[in-house]
N, C-alpha and C. Protein backbone atom coordinates (compact mmCIF):
# COMPACT_ATOMS: atom_id res chain seq x y z
N MET A 1 20.79 -81.85 -239.68
CA MET A 1 21.49 -82.18 -238.95
C MET A 1 20.90 -83.44 -238.52
N THR A 2 21.81 -84.06 -237.68
CA THR A 2 20.69 -85.77 -237.25
C THR A 2 21.48 -85.40 -235.63
N LEU A 3 20.75 -84.56 -234.77
CA LEU A 3 21.17 -84.74 -233.59
C LEU A 3 20.99 -85.70 -232.40
N THR A 4 19.65 -86.08 -232.75
CA THR A 4 18.44 -86.30 -232.61
C THR A 4 18.43 -88.09 -231.78
N GLU A 5 19.67 -88.50 -233.08
CA GLU A 5 20.20 -90.42 -233.11
C GLU A 5 21.31 -90.23 -232.09
N LYS A 6 21.92 -88.63 -231.69
CA LYS A 6 22.92 -89.07 -230.50
C LYS A 6 22.45 -88.38 -229.37
N THR A 7 21.67 -88.04 -229.07
CA THR A 7 20.97 -87.27 -228.22
C THR A 7 20.44 -88.17 -227.25
N THR A 8 20.61 -87.73 -225.97
CA THR A 8 19.95 -89.27 -224.78
C THR A 8 18.97 -88.44 -223.83
N ILE A 9 19.03 -87.10 -223.73
CA ILE A 9 18.04 -86.61 -222.88
C ILE A 9 16.91 -86.51 -223.79
N SER A 10 15.74 -86.60 -223.15
CA SER A 10 14.35 -85.79 -223.59
C SER A 10 14.37 -84.68 -223.55
N ASN A 11 13.41 -84.17 -224.73
CA ASN A 11 12.87 -82.68 -224.88
C ASN A 11 14.17 -81.61 -224.95
N PRO A 12 15.02 -82.10 -225.53
CA PRO A 12 16.51 -81.46 -225.55
C PRO A 12 16.36 -79.69 -226.15
N TYR A 13 17.13 -79.26 -225.57
CA TYR A 13 17.16 -77.56 -226.61
C TYR A 13 18.94 -77.87 -227.04
N TYR A 14 19.11 -77.46 -227.50
CA TYR A 14 20.38 -76.87 -228.55
C TYR A 14 21.32 -75.92 -228.56
N LEU A 15 22.04 -76.37 -227.46
CA LEU A 15 23.45 -74.92 -227.51
C LEU A 15 24.32 -75.06 -228.51
N PHE A 16 24.54 -74.01 -229.42
CA PHE A 16 25.66 -73.84 -230.03
C PHE A 16 27.09 -73.22 -229.79
N SER A 17 28.28 -73.45 -229.89
CA SER A 17 29.03 -72.83 -230.26
C SER A 17 29.87 -72.60 -230.65
N PHE A 18 30.28 -71.61 -231.66
CA PHE A 18 30.87 -71.04 -232.51
C PHE A 18 32.08 -70.70 -232.20
N THR A 19 33.67 -71.05 -232.64
CA THR A 19 34.76 -70.51 -232.37
C THR A 19 35.32 -69.99 -233.81
N ASN A 20 36.00 -68.78 -233.64
CA ASN A 20 36.39 -68.37 -234.91
C ASN A 20 38.26 -68.96 -235.41
N VAL A 21 38.36 -69.71 -235.86
CA VAL A 21 39.84 -70.68 -236.11
C VAL A 21 40.87 -69.28 -235.76
N THR A 22 40.64 -68.31 -236.40
CA THR A 22 41.79 -66.73 -236.36
C THR A 22 41.78 -66.14 -235.56
N THR A 23 40.87 -65.93 -234.97
CA THR A 23 40.79 -64.90 -233.62
C THR A 23 40.66 -65.64 -232.04
N ASN A 24 39.85 -66.83 -232.14
CA ASN A 24 39.51 -67.18 -231.02
C ASN A 24 38.02 -66.48 -230.67
N GLU A 25 37.70 -65.75 -231.50
CA GLU A 25 36.13 -65.22 -230.78
C GLU A 25 35.70 -66.23 -230.47
N VAL A 26 34.61 -66.72 -229.73
CA VAL A 26 33.55 -67.50 -229.41
C VAL A 26 31.86 -67.06 -229.35
N GLN A 27 31.17 -67.45 -229.94
CA GLN A 27 29.54 -66.46 -229.90
C GLN A 27 28.82 -68.22 -229.51
N ASN A 28 28.29 -68.18 -228.35
CA ASN A 28 27.12 -69.17 -227.87
C ASN A 28 25.78 -69.09 -228.04
N PHE A 29 24.81 -69.72 -228.50
CA PHE A 29 23.54 -69.12 -228.67
C PHE A 29 22.86 -70.32 -228.56
N LEU A 30 21.79 -70.21 -227.87
CA LEU A 30 20.65 -71.11 -228.55
C LEU A 30 19.73 -70.80 -229.35
N VAL A 31 19.45 -72.51 -230.58
CA VAL A 31 18.66 -72.07 -231.85
C VAL A 31 17.47 -73.47 -231.37
N THR A 32 16.55 -73.08 -231.55
CA THR A 32 15.35 -73.73 -231.74
C THR A 32 15.07 -74.90 -232.99
N ASP A 33 14.78 -76.14 -232.65
CA ASP A 33 14.95 -77.00 -233.70
C ASP A 33 13.18 -76.73 -234.34
N THR A 34 13.55 -76.60 -235.54
CA THR A 34 12.11 -76.51 -236.46
C THR A 34 12.02 -77.86 -237.23
N SER A 35 12.82 -78.49 -237.18
CA SER A 35 12.05 -79.85 -238.43
C SER A 35 10.90 -80.77 -237.45
N CYS A 36 9.98 -81.00 -238.88
CA CYS A 36 8.71 -81.61 -238.41
C CYS A 36 8.82 -83.24 -238.38
N ALA A 37 10.34 -83.44 -238.17
CA ALA A 37 10.50 -84.96 -238.57
C ALA A 37 11.98 -85.38 -237.89
N THR A 38 11.90 -85.01 -236.44
CA THR A 38 13.19 -85.10 -235.52
C THR A 38 13.86 -86.39 -235.60
N SER A 39 13.22 -87.45 -236.20
CA SER A 39 13.39 -88.56 -236.01
C SER A 39 14.78 -89.15 -237.64
N ARG A 40 14.18 -87.99 -238.11
CA ARG A 40 14.67 -87.97 -239.71
C ARG A 40 16.03 -86.91 -239.71
N PHE A 41 15.97 -85.70 -239.01
CA PHE A 41 17.01 -84.69 -239.09
C PHE A 41 16.23 -83.64 -238.07
N ASN A 42 17.45 -82.34 -237.90
CA ASN A 42 17.16 -82.00 -237.27
C ASN A 42 17.41 -80.34 -238.44
N LEU A 43 16.39 -79.65 -237.94
CA LEU A 43 16.64 -78.28 -238.77
C LEU A 43 16.54 -76.96 -238.13
N PHE A 44 17.57 -76.19 -238.32
CA PHE A 44 17.95 -75.09 -237.58
C PHE A 44 17.74 -73.97 -237.68
N THR A 45 17.45 -72.59 -238.11
CA THR A 45 17.12 -71.81 -238.73
C THR A 45 18.23 -70.49 -238.11
N ILE A 46 19.31 -70.44 -238.32
CA ILE A 46 20.75 -69.10 -237.69
C ILE A 46 20.89 -68.00 -238.54
N THR A 47 20.64 -66.92 -238.10
CA THR A 47 20.21 -65.81 -238.67
C THR A 47 21.63 -65.04 -238.76
N GLU A 48 22.31 -64.58 -239.62
CA GLU A 48 23.41 -63.48 -238.93
C GLU A 48 22.85 -62.30 -238.87
N GLY A 49 23.40 -61.78 -237.50
CA GLY A 49 23.14 -60.58 -236.92
C GLY A 49 21.37 -60.42 -236.06
N THR A 50 20.92 -61.65 -235.97
CA THR A 50 19.74 -61.83 -235.47
C THR A 50 20.10 -63.08 -234.22
N THR A 51 20.29 -64.20 -234.92
CA THR A 51 21.01 -65.33 -233.51
C THR A 51 22.05 -64.96 -233.20
N VAL A 52 22.72 -64.66 -234.27
CA VAL A 52 24.27 -65.00 -233.81
C VAL A 52 24.60 -63.57 -234.64
N SER A 53 26.40 -62.92 -234.08
CA SER A 53 26.81 -61.91 -235.06
C SER A 53 27.92 -62.73 -235.41
N LEU A 54 28.59 -63.09 -236.23
CA LEU A 54 29.57 -64.20 -236.86
C LEU A 54 30.30 -63.09 -237.70
N ASP A 55 31.00 -61.59 -236.98
CA ASP A 55 31.34 -60.50 -237.83
C ASP A 55 32.88 -60.70 -238.74
N ASP A 56 33.40 -62.26 -238.43
CA ASP A 56 34.64 -62.58 -238.76
C ASP A 56 34.68 -63.13 -239.93
N THR A 57 34.70 -63.09 -241.07
CA THR A 57 34.57 -64.28 -242.15
C THR A 57 35.37 -65.40 -241.94
N GLY A 58 35.52 -66.70 -242.25
CA GLY A 58 36.87 -67.59 -242.59
C GLY A 58 35.76 -68.69 -241.88
N GLN A 59 36.76 -69.45 -241.43
CA GLN A 59 36.70 -70.38 -240.48
C GLN A 59 35.99 -70.59 -239.13
N TRP A 60 35.18 -71.41 -238.67
CA TRP A 60 34.51 -71.19 -237.64
C TRP A 60 34.02 -72.81 -237.28
N ASP A 61 34.90 -73.37 -235.94
CA ASP A 61 34.62 -74.66 -235.31
C ASP A 61 33.19 -74.58 -234.68
N TYR A 62 32.32 -75.50 -234.86
CA TYR A 62 30.99 -75.29 -234.10
C TYR A 62 31.39 -76.95 -233.36
N THR A 63 30.65 -75.96 -231.95
CA THR A 63 30.09 -77.52 -231.22
C THR A 63 28.89 -77.80 -230.90
N ILE A 64 27.91 -78.45 -230.56
CA ILE A 64 26.49 -78.89 -230.60
C ILE A 64 26.14 -79.41 -229.47
N TYR A 65 25.58 -78.73 -228.52
CA TYR A 65 25.22 -79.61 -226.85
C TYR A 65 23.77 -79.64 -227.08
N ALA A 66 23.52 -81.04 -226.33
CA ALA A 66 21.99 -80.81 -225.84
C ALA A 66 21.93 -80.82 -224.57
N GLN A 67 20.68 -80.25 -223.98
CA GLN A 67 20.97 -79.64 -222.43
C GLN A 67 19.35 -79.81 -222.27
N THR A 68 19.28 -79.82 -220.99
CA THR A 68 17.66 -79.96 -220.54
C THR A 68 17.11 -78.01 -220.11
N SER A 69 17.98 -77.24 -220.10
CA SER A 69 18.27 -75.93 -219.77
C SER A 69 17.42 -74.80 -221.11
N ALA A 70 16.28 -74.22 -220.93
CA ALA A 70 16.26 -73.71 -222.22
C ALA A 70 16.82 -72.27 -222.13
N VAL A 71 17.73 -72.37 -221.14
CA VAL A 71 18.11 -70.42 -221.47
C VAL A 71 20.23 -70.64 -220.83
N ASN A 72 20.30 -71.79 -220.30
CA ASN A 72 21.75 -71.95 -220.53
C ASN A 72 22.37 -71.60 -221.78
N THR A 73 23.99 -70.72 -221.69
CA THR A 73 24.48 -70.27 -222.98
C THR A 73 26.08 -70.70 -222.28
N ASP A 74 26.15 -71.38 -221.40
CA ASP A 74 27.55 -72.35 -220.93
C ASP A 74 28.05 -73.39 -221.14
N PRO A 75 29.21 -73.81 -222.38
CA PRO A 75 29.15 -74.86 -222.74
C PRO A 75 29.25 -76.19 -221.55
N ASP A 76 30.32 -75.19 -220.23
CA ASP A 76 30.56 -76.13 -219.74
C ASP A 76 29.31 -76.44 -218.67
N LEU A 77 28.26 -76.11 -218.64
CA LEU A 77 27.02 -76.60 -217.83
C LEU A 77 26.20 -77.35 -218.61
N ALA A 78 26.49 -77.82 -220.50
CA ALA A 78 25.17 -78.48 -220.96
C ALA A 78 25.47 -79.69 -220.62
N ASP A 79 24.35 -80.60 -221.29
CA ASP A 79 24.61 -81.84 -220.46
C ASP A 79 25.00 -83.03 -221.17
N GLU A 80 25.31 -82.39 -222.69
CA GLU A 80 26.15 -83.77 -223.72
C GLU A 80 26.57 -82.90 -224.68
N LEU A 81 27.22 -83.13 -225.11
CA LEU A 81 28.26 -82.91 -226.69
C LEU A 81 27.63 -84.12 -227.38
N VAL A 82 26.79 -83.11 -228.17
CA VAL A 82 26.29 -84.01 -229.90
C VAL A 82 26.96 -84.04 -230.60
N GLU A 83 27.43 -82.89 -231.38
CA GLU A 83 28.23 -82.82 -232.65
C GLU A 83 29.34 -81.72 -232.65
N ILE A 84 30.44 -82.11 -233.72
CA ILE A 84 31.45 -81.28 -233.60
C ILE A 84 31.75 -80.98 -235.14
N GLY A 85 31.79 -79.60 -235.38
CA GLY A 85 31.78 -79.45 -236.92
C GLY A 85 32.16 -77.84 -237.84
N MET A 86 32.57 -77.87 -238.83
CA MET A 86 33.30 -76.54 -239.39
C MET A 86 32.26 -76.03 -239.78
N VAL A 87 32.41 -74.56 -240.05
CA VAL A 87 31.24 -73.44 -240.34
C VAL A 87 32.25 -72.58 -241.60
N LYS A 88 32.05 -72.41 -242.87
CA LYS A 88 32.64 -71.49 -243.32
C LYS A 88 32.10 -70.06 -243.39
N VAL A 89 32.32 -69.02 -243.03
CA VAL A 89 30.98 -67.54 -243.15
C VAL A 89 32.52 -67.00 -244.64
N ILE A 90 31.42 -66.41 -245.17
CA ILE A 90 31.77 -65.78 -246.35
C ILE A 90 30.68 -64.52 -246.67
N SER A 91 31.63 -63.42 -246.39
CA SER A 91 30.90 -61.99 -247.00
C SER A 91 30.24 -62.28 -248.14
N THR A 92 29.26 -61.46 -248.13
CA THR A 92 27.91 -61.18 -249.33
C THR A 92 28.03 -59.90 -249.93
N THR A 93 28.59 -59.08 -249.36
CA THR A 93 28.64 -57.59 -249.58
C THR A 93 29.93 -57.42 -250.78
N ALA A 94 29.81 -56.89 -251.71
CA ALA A 94 30.84 -57.05 -252.39
C ALA A 94 31.81 -55.84 -251.49
N ASN A 95 33.25 -56.26 -252.32
CA ASN A 95 34.42 -55.54 -251.85
C ASN A 95 34.53 -54.10 -252.57
N THR A 96 34.10 -53.52 -252.24
CA THR A 96 34.29 -51.66 -253.02
C THR A 96 35.58 -50.78 -252.40
N ASP A 97 36.52 -51.85 -251.55
CA ASP A 97 38.11 -50.48 -251.21
C ASP A 97 39.18 -51.05 -252.47
N VAL A 98 38.87 -52.40 -253.51
CA VAL A 98 39.48 -52.00 -254.55
C VAL A 98 39.43 -51.47 -255.86
N THR A 99 40.13 -50.59 -256.61
CA THR A 99 39.69 -49.91 -257.67
C THR A 99 40.65 -49.80 -258.68
N TYR A 100 39.87 -51.01 -259.86
CA TYR A 100 41.48 -50.69 -261.06
C TYR A 100 40.84 -49.28 -261.80
N THR A 101 42.07 -49.19 -262.41
CA THR A 101 41.87 -48.11 -263.90
C THR A 101 42.90 -48.50 -264.70
N ALA A 102 42.56 -48.42 -265.76
CA ALA A 102 43.34 -48.76 -266.96
C ALA A 102 44.39 -47.61 -267.32
N LEU A 103 45.53 -47.75 -267.53
CA LEU A 103 46.31 -46.65 -267.47
C LEU A 103 46.36 -46.01 -269.30
N ASP A 104 45.87 -47.32 -270.09
CA ASP A 104 45.54 -46.53 -271.73
C ASP A 104 44.15 -46.79 -271.93
N SER A 105 43.76 -45.80 -272.76
CA SER A 105 42.47 -45.98 -273.08
C SER A 105 42.59 -47.24 -273.95
N GLU A 106 43.19 -47.59 -274.29
CA GLU A 106 43.14 -49.10 -275.60
C GLU A 106 44.22 -49.52 -275.00
N ILE A 107 44.06 -51.15 -275.17
CA ILE A 107 44.62 -51.94 -274.54
C ILE A 107 44.62 -53.24 -275.84
N ASP A 108 45.83 -53.55 -276.06
CA ASP A 108 45.87 -54.29 -277.07
C ASP A 108 46.85 -55.73 -276.78
N VAL A 109 46.24 -56.75 -276.84
CA VAL A 109 46.75 -58.00 -276.36
C VAL A 109 47.06 -58.73 -276.98
N GLN A 110 48.16 -59.57 -277.62
CA GLN A 110 48.20 -60.23 -278.77
C GLN A 110 49.15 -61.85 -277.96
N TYR A 111 48.56 -62.80 -278.49
CA TYR A 111 49.71 -63.71 -278.01
C TYR A 111 49.85 -64.88 -278.86
N ASP A 112 51.16 -64.86 -279.46
CA ASP A 112 52.02 -65.49 -280.05
C ASP A 112 52.89 -66.80 -279.58
N PRO A 113 51.89 -67.95 -279.62
CA PRO A 113 52.78 -69.32 -278.68
C PRO A 113 54.11 -69.55 -279.09
N GLU A 114 55.13 -68.96 -280.32
CA GLU A 114 55.87 -69.45 -280.87
C GLU A 114 56.89 -68.50 -280.60
């Protein structure tokens, strides 16, 4: 991300706010900028289940705020809005709820275009 170029406060803390588009569930959390070159880009590590729990797969809108507080997680109390975007959360676990069973042990498939 390139948040520094939009941030006007010194030594900011970044507050992330994710909102699920379908359920309207909101997750607010602080993440430490780990970039070694913040004048070029900002780097964050967001770990599912540790930093945030985005239980619902699908589209989440995100808003990032810069603030002077190291503990505030209320966007209404943040100093400034610096970015808005979208994140798509996908499941990495296999879907084991669906079972397909062939009706016949031998299936003959033919294609005749005429």
